[in-house]
Amino acid sequence: MEPKKNAEIFEQGVVVFPRMETEANAKPWYSLPGCEGVFLKDLVTGKETLGKFSYHLVRIWKDSEVADHDHETQWEWNLIISGKGTFVLGDKEITIAPGQTFVTPPKNHHTVSAGHEDLSLLALFVPALV
């Protein structure tokens, strides 16, 4: 299976809850403020989980990045589903590719950059980001 198709599977998938289902393709993409070429799709928000967690698709256009930032209270877990790039956590820089995951504890600065192709990932936040 081509890595790009992995992203399409998640973009067209269904999130199942005990009393509801959410189709990913019905959710809108939006630009991440302050990060040109970075887009999010909120698949699950704190509204559905009573603030416990949120779950998002993230698309970073080639040669773009989610600039250095941290989260005050959230743990963040990411799964790379297509593309290649770099993840910087503190002074550690890691090349990322489909199938890799990384975890960022609260108050740890990090950056995610796409290489010369678009990068797609799933991001889970505990507690919810939105």
Protein backbone atom coordinates (compact mmCIF):
# COMPACT_ATOMS: atom_id res chain seq x y z
CA MET A 1 0.00 0.00 0.00
CA GLU A 2 1.34 3.46 -0.89
CA PRO A 3 1.99 5.68 2.14
CA LYS A 4 -0.15 8.50 0.68
CA LYS A 5 -3.13 6.12 0.67
CA ASN A 6 -2.70 5.67 4.43
CA ALA A 7 -3.63 9.34 4.91
CA GLU A 8 -6.67 8.93 2.65
CA ILE A 9 -7.88 5.97 4.72
CA PHE A 10 -7.93 8.09 7.88
CA GLU A 11 -9.36 11.13 6.08
CA GLN A 12 -12.33 9.04 4.91
CA GLY A 13 -12.69 6.83 7.98
CA VAL A 14 -15.28 6.71 10.75
CA VAL A 15 -14.77 7.41 14.46
CA VAL A 16 -17.11 5.18 16.47
CA PHE A 17 -18.43 6.06 19.94
CA PRO A 18 -20.90 3.97 21.97
CA ARG A 19 -23.80 6.26 20.99
CA MET A 20 -22.57 7.96 17.81
CA GLU A 21 -20.38 7.75 14.75
CA THR A 22 -18.47 10.59 13.12
CA GLU A 23 -17.38 10.48 9.48
CA ALA A 24 -13.96 12.08 9.05
CA ASN A 25 -14.75 13.42 5.58
CA ALA A 26 -17.69 15.41 7.02
CA LYS A 27 -15.36 17.37 9.32
CA PRO A 28 -13.79 20.57 7.92
CA TRP A 29 -10.09 21.27 7.55
CA TYR A 30 -8.87 24.58 8.99
CA SER A 31 -5.55 26.43 9.01
CA LEU A 32 -3.47 26.33 12.17
CA PRO A 33 -3.10 30.00 13.16
CA GLY A 34 0.45 31.25 12.79
CA CYS A 35 1.64 28.21 10.81
CA GLU A 36 1.39 28.67 7.06
CA GLY A 37 0.86 25.38 5.25
CA VAL A 38 -0.46 23.52 8.33
CA PHE A 39 -4.07 22.26 8.49
CA LEU A 40 -6.09 20.39 11.11
CA LYS A 41 -9.28 18.38 11.13
CA ASP A 42 -10.82 17.82 14.59
CA LEU A 43 -12.14 14.25 14.58
CA VAL A 44 -12.94 14.15 18.29
CA THR A 45 -13.04 17.18 20.58
CA GLY A 46 -13.30 17.68 24.31
CA LYS A 47 -17.02 18.24 23.81
CA GLU A 48 -17.48 14.55 23.00
CA THR A 49 -15.06 13.31 25.70
CA LEU A 50 -15.90 15.67 28.58
CA GLY A 51 -12.46 17.23 28.11
CA LYS A 52 -10.57 13.95 28.57
CA PHE A 53 -8.92 13.83 25.11
CA SER A 54 -9.08 15.14 21.56
CA TYR A 55 -8.05 13.49 18.29
CA HIS A 56 -7.01 15.33 15.12
CA LEU A 57 -5.73 14.78 11.61
CA VAL A 58 -2.85 17.12 10.80
CA ARG A 59 -1.57 17.90 7.31
CA ILE A 60 1.68 19.81 6.87
CA TRP A 61 2.47 20.91 3.33
CA LYS A 62 5.93 20.18 1.99
CA ASP A 63 8.64 22.52 3.31
CA SER A 64 6.23 23.82 6.04
CA GLU A 65 6.24 23.26 9.79
CA VAL A 66 4.40 23.44 13.07
CA ALA A 67 6.81 25.91 14.66
CA ASP A 68 8.40 25.48 18.07
CA HIS A 69 5.70 25.34 20.75
CA ASP A 70 4.62 23.48 23.85
CA HIS A 71 1.37 22.52 25.55
CA GLU A 72 0.80 23.63 29.12
CA THR A 73 -1.21 20.61 30.31
CA GLN A 74 -1.57 18.18 27.38
CA TRP A 75 0.34 15.04 26.62
CA GLU A 76 0.55 14.70 22.83
CA TRP A 77 0.88 11.43 20.94
CA ASN A 78 1.45 11.48 17.17
CA LEU A 79 1.39 8.75 14.52
CA ILE A 80 2.95 9.54 11.13
CA ILE A 81 0.65 8.24 8.39
CA SER A 82 2.27 9.65 5.23
CA GLY A 83 5.26 11.70 4.14
CA LYS A 84 8.61 12.31 5.76
CA GLY A 85 10.02 15.09 7.87
CA THR A 86 11.68 15.91 11.16
CA PHE A 87 10.55 16.09 14.76
CA VAL A 88 12.55 18.22 17.18
CA LEU A 89 12.06 17.68 20.91
CA GLY A 90 14.36 19.91 22.95
CA ASP A 91 17.82 19.38 21.45
CA LYS A 92 16.94 16.02 19.87
CA GLU A 93 16.12 15.92 16.11
CA ILE A 94 14.51 12.76 14.68
CA THR A 95 13.71 11.90 11.07
CA ILE A 96 10.08 10.78 10.89
CA ALA A 97 8.30 8.54 8.36
CA PRO A 98 5.05 6.53 8.15
CA GLY A 99 4.50 4.17 11.06
CA GLN A 100 6.61 6.12 13.53
CA THR A 101 5.12 7.62 16.66
CA PHE A 102 6.32 10.20 19.14
CA VAL A 103 5.09 11.35 22.52
CA THR A 104 5.51 14.86 23.91
CA PRO A 105 4.88 15.47 27.62
CA PRO A 106 3.39 18.78 28.80
CA LYS A 107 5.71 21.82 28.82
CA ASN A 108 8.20 20.25 26.38
CA HIS A 109 8.97 22.41 23.35
CA HIS A 110 8.76 20.66 20.01
CA THR A 111 8.64 21.31 16.25
CA VAL A 112 7.28 19.15 13.41
CA SER A 113 8.54 19.88 9.90
CA ALA A 114 7.59 18.34 6.56
CA GLY A 115 10.40 17.54 4.18
CA HIS A 116 10.04 17.86 0.42
CA GLU A 117 6.64 16.15 0.43
CA ASP A 118 3.42 16.67 2.37
CA LEU A 119 3.34 15.11 5.84
CA SER A 120 0.16 13.71 7.46
CA LEU A 121 -0.22 12.56 11.04
CA LEU A 122 -2.76 11.73 13.70
CA ALA A 123 -2.47 13.74 16.91
CA LEU A 124 -4.07 12.69 20.21
CA PHE A 125 -4.10 15.10 23.17
CA VAL A 126 -4.75 14.20 26.82
CA PRO A 127 -6.51 16.18 28.21
CA ALA A 128 -8.31 17.60 25.17
CA LEU A 129 -6.64 20.38 23.20
CA VAL A 130 -10.01 21.67 21.91
